[in-house]
Amino acid sequence: MRSHLRDLGAYLVQRLLPPEDASSPTGVALLKELMATSVLEPIVESLSDPDRINQWICAALRKPTEGKSMQGATSLTRDSSRDSLIDRTSTGEQIYVKGNK
């Protein structure tokens, strides 16, 4: 994986580094290595974490679609208490908040 990240780091350094700074082979090698190990690798590890992927899937499945009916959901007003909200959400009850208009 690191060799691919080094290649990607080299590509990014080539594209982002001004030409006058890219003339130093030592500087380019250092930036390529830093880009691969300190920037890209943590991003890839974070994005490929199974728990994170599972959370994204669960969040995507929970999002209501546009135009979806809120039938069966409990309505809360701005006057509803915090404890009431916590009690209702802990039971898995669907809740939506009505705005005052």
Protein backbone atom coordinates (compact mmCIF):
# COMPACT_ATOMS: atom_id res chain seq x y z
CA MET A 1 0.00 0.00 0.00
CA ARG A 2 2.83 2.41 0.84
CA SER A 3 4.33 2.16 -2.64
CA HIS A 4 0.99 3.22 -4.14
CA LEU A 5 0.76 6.07 -1.66
CA ARG A 6 4.31 7.13 -2.51
CA ASP A 7 3.37 7.17 -6.20
CA LEU A 8 0.29 9.24 -5.43
CA GLY A 9 2.37 11.51 -3.19
CA ALA A 10 4.92 11.98 -5.99
CA TYR A 11 2.12 12.85 -8.41
CA LEU A 12 0.62 15.39 -6.00
CA VAL A 13 4.00 16.95 -5.21
CA GLN A 14 4.70 17.26 -8.96
CA ARG A 15 1.36 18.95 -9.56
CA LEU A 16 1.29 21.20 -6.50
CA LEU A 17 4.92 22.23 -6.07
CA PRO A 18 6.10 25.32 -7.95
CA PRO A 19 8.70 24.46 -10.64
CA GLU A 20 11.49 26.37 -8.91
CA ASP A 21 11.00 24.28 -5.74
CA ALA A 22 10.67 21.01 -7.68
CA SER A 23 14.25 21.29 -8.89
CA SER A 24 15.60 19.97 -5.57
CA PRO A 25 15.58 16.14 -5.65
CA THR A 26 16.10 15.96 -1.88
CA GLY A 27 13.19 18.31 -1.19
CA VAL A 28 10.91 16.46 -3.59
CA ALA A 29 11.82 13.09 -2.02
CA LEU A 30 11.16 14.48 1.47
CA LEU A 31 7.80 15.98 0.46
CA LYS A 32 6.80 12.78 -1.35
CA GLU A 33 7.55 10.69 1.74
CA LEU A 34 5.78 13.15 4.06
CA MET A 35 2.76 13.26 1.77
CA ALA A 36 2.58 9.45 1.66
CA THR A 37 3.18 8.66 5.34
CA SER A 38 1.82 11.69 7.20
CA VAL A 39 -1.10 12.76 5.02
CA LEU A 40 -2.33 10.03 2.68
CA GLU A 41 -1.76 6.93 4.84
CA PRO A 42 -3.78 8.22 7.84
CA ILE A 43 -6.58 9.26 5.49
CA VAL A 44 -6.70 5.84 3.82
CA GLU A 45 -6.57 4.04 7.17
CA SER A 46 -9.34 6.20 8.57
CA LEU A 47 -11.58 5.79 5.51
CA SER A 48 -11.05 2.02 5.35
CA ASP A 49 -11.80 1.38 9.02
CA PRO A 50 -14.62 -1.23 9.07
CA ASP A 51 -16.40 0.47 11.97
CA ARG A 52 -16.43 3.80 10.13
CA ILE A 53 -17.76 2.15 6.96
CA ASN A 54 -20.48 0.45 8.99
CA GLN A 55 -21.42 3.79 10.58
CA TRP A 56 -21.69 5.40 7.14
CA ILE A 57 -23.93 2.60 5.90
CA CYS A 58 -26.16 2.84 8.99
CA ALA A 59 -26.36 6.64 8.68
CA ALA A 60 -27.25 6.39 4.99
CA LEU A 61 -30.00 3.89 5.73
CA ARG A 62 -31.43 6.10 8.49
CA LYS A 63 -31.68 9.27 6.38
CA PRO A 64 -35.27 9.98 5.39
CA THR A 65 -35.73 10.34 1.65
CA GLU A 66 -37.24 13.48 0.17
CA GLY A 67 -41.01 13.46 0.20
CA LYS A 68 -41.12 10.55 2.64
CA SER A 69 -44.11 10.67 4.91
CA MET A 70 -43.50 11.16 8.60
CA GLN A 71 -46.58 9.05 9.37
CA GLY A 72 -46.21 7.28 12.69
CA ALA A 73 -43.51 9.65 13.94
CA THR A 74 -43.95 11.62 17.14
CA SER A 75 -44.05 15.37 16.79
CA LEU A 76 -42.05 17.56 19.15
CA THR A 77 -42.46 21.27 19.55
CA ARG A 78 -39.87 23.74 20.76
CA ASP A 79 -41.50 23.48 24.20
CA SER A 80 -40.80 19.74 24.53
CA SER A 81 -38.46 18.94 27.37
CA ARG A 82 -34.96 17.55 26.89
CA ASP A 83 -35.77 14.57 29.14
CA SER A 84 -38.83 13.78 27.05
CA LEU A 85 -36.70 13.78 23.91
CA ILE A 86 -34.11 11.48 25.51
CA ASP A 87 -36.82 9.08 26.72
CA ARG A 88 -38.43 8.91 23.29
CA THR A 89 -35.20 8.42 21.36
CA SER A 90 -33.93 5.72 23.71
CA THR A 91 -36.96 3.59 22.81
CA GLY A 92 -36.21 3.94 19.09
CA GLU A 93 -39.32 6.02 18.44
CA GLN A 94 -39.22 8.16 15.29
CA ILE A 95 -39.25 11.85 16.11
CA TYR A 96 -39.41 15.00 14.04
CA VAL A 97 -39.35 18.59 15.21
CA LYS A 98 -42.07 21.00 14.15
CA GLY A 99 -40.93 24.56 13.62
CA ASN A 100 -43.05 27.48 14.80
CA LYS A 101 -44.37 29.47 11.84
